[in-house]
């Protein structure tokens, strides 16, 4: 019985960590209200929405909107900007933890 429980616990651990993936990608910083509507434009609107309480989000090239679990990693001058991020993504919850971010060239 202990062996079965050990195998089950190991399988559960692997399944939980499989949904997290480190990645480097480009996209846009938008706000949680407008999401993908501001891809590549509307920086003033993004800045205004975030100043009024919306959270910054990352929008990838496929227009998927990712919640940023550490929004303080995004500096104000990148609101509405095209950026390159290194992040750990959780695909099951559509969240990411940004390790580094900079303006895309």
Protein backbone atom coordinates (compact mmCIF):
# COMPACT_ATOMS: atom_id res chain seq x y z
CA UNK A 1 0.00 0.00 0.00
CA UNK A 2 2.85 2.39 0.81
CA UNK A 3 4.38 1.74 -2.60
CA UNK A 4 1.10 2.52 -4.38
CA UNK A 5 0.76 5.77 -2.41
CA UNK A 6 4.37 6.72 -3.23
CA UNK A 7 3.81 6.14 -6.94
CA UNK A 8 0.55 8.09 -6.79
CA UNK A 9 2.23 11.01 -4.98
CA UNK A 10 5.06 11.10 -7.52
CA UNK A 11 2.60 11.09 -10.43
CA UNK A 12 0.59 13.89 -8.83
CA UNK A 13 3.73 15.98 -8.32
CA UNK A 14 4.80 15.51 -11.95
CA UNK A 15 1.36 16.43 -13.25
CA UNK A 16 1.30 19.59 -11.14
CA UNK A 17 4.73 20.76 -12.29
CA UNK A 18 4.09 19.88 -15.95
CA UNK A 19 1.72 22.82 -16.35
CA UNK A 20 4.53 25.29 -15.55
CA UNK A 21 6.97 26.15 -18.33
CA UNK A 22 9.76 28.69 -18.52
CA UNK A 23 9.65 30.67 -21.73
CA UNK A 24 11.04 33.67 -23.53
CA UNK A 25 8.56 35.43 -25.79
CA UNK A 26 7.46 38.77 -27.17
CA UNK A 27 4.09 40.44 -26.86
CA UNK A 28 2.41 43.53 -25.46
CA UNK A 29 1.59 44.88 -22.04
CA UNK A 30 -2.08 45.75 -21.82
CA UNK A 31 -4.56 46.16 -18.97
CA UNK A 32 -6.91 43.59 -17.47
CA UNK A 33 -10.04 45.37 -18.72
CA UNK A 34 -9.11 45.76 -22.40
CA UNK A 35 -6.81 42.75 -22.84
CA UNK A 36 -5.92 42.09 -26.49
CA UNK A 37 -7.77 45.16 -27.80
CA UNK A 38 -4.62 47.26 -27.37
CA UNK A 39 -2.12 45.02 -29.20
CA UNK A 40 0.41 47.47 -30.60
CA UNK A 41 -1.61 50.63 -29.95
CA UNK A 42 -3.41 52.48 -27.22
CA UNK A 43 -0.53 53.00 -24.79
CA UNK A 44 -2.24 56.07 -23.33
CA UNK A 45 -5.41 54.06 -22.65
CA UNK A 46 -3.44 51.22 -21.05
CA UNK A 47 -1.62 53.68 -18.78
CA UNK A 48 -4.90 55.36 -17.85
CA UNK A 49 -6.68 52.07 -17.09
CA UNK A 50 -3.81 50.81 -14.94
CA UNK A 51 -3.66 54.12 -13.05
CA UNK A 52 -7.38 53.65 -12.29
CA UNK A 53 -6.87 50.20 -10.76
CA UNK A 54 -6.72 47.70 -13.62
CA UNK A 55 -3.80 45.24 -13.55
CA UNK A 56 -1.17 44.93 -16.27
CA UNK A 57 -1.49 41.77 -18.39
CA UNK A 58 0.67 40.20 -21.09
CA UNK A 59 -0.81 39.63 -24.55
CA UNK A 60 1.12 37.18 -26.75
CA UNK A 61 1.29 37.09 -30.55
CA UNK A 62 -1.73 34.74 -30.69
CA UNK A 63 -3.77 37.32 -28.70
CA UNK A 64 -3.82 35.10 -25.61
CA UNK A 65 -4.10 37.24 -22.48
CA UNK A 66 -1.92 36.16 -19.54
CA UNK A 67 -2.44 37.39 -15.98
CA UNK A 68 0.85 38.56 -14.48
CA UNK A 69 1.21 37.23 -10.94
CA UNK A 70 3.94 39.75 -10.10
CA UNK A 71 2.65 42.97 -11.73
CA UNK A 72 5.30 45.07 -9.98
CA UNK A 73 7.83 43.54 -12.41
CA UNK A 74 6.29 45.67 -15.18
CA UNK A 75 7.62 49.23 -15.05
CA UNK A 76 5.27 52.10 -15.93
CA UNK A 77 7.23 53.03 -19.06
CA UNK A 78 6.37 49.58 -20.52
CA UNK A 79 2.58 49.95 -20.16
CA UNK A 80 1.18 49.59 -23.69
CA UNK A 81 4.59 48.67 -25.12
CA UNK A 82 5.79 45.77 -27.28
CA UNK A 83 8.03 43.78 -24.91
CA UNK A 84 10.20 40.70 -24.62
CA UNK A 85 9.73 38.69 -21.44
CA UNK A 86 11.37 35.74 -19.77
CA UNK A 87 8.70 34.17 -17.62
CA UNK A 88 7.37 31.02 -16.06
CA UNK A 89 3.93 30.29 -17.46
CA UNK A 90 1.14 28.21 -15.99
CA UNK A 91 -0.94 27.23 -19.01
CA UNK A 92 -3.79 25.77 -16.97
CA UNK A 93 -4.47 29.10 -15.21
CA UNK A 94 -3.19 31.45 -17.96
CA UNK A 95 -0.83 33.13 -15.49
CA UNK A 96 2.82 34.03 -15.76
CA UNK A 97 5.56 35.06 -13.38
CA UNK A 98 7.87 37.53 -15.10
CA UNK A 99 11.57 36.98 -14.42
CA UNK A 100 12.75 39.74 -16.76
CA UNK A 101 11.13 42.21 -19.12
CA UNK A 102 12.44 44.75 -21.62
CA UNK A 103 11.20 46.72 -24.61
CA UNK A 104 11.25 44.61 -27.78
CA UNK A 105 13.34 45.82 -30.69
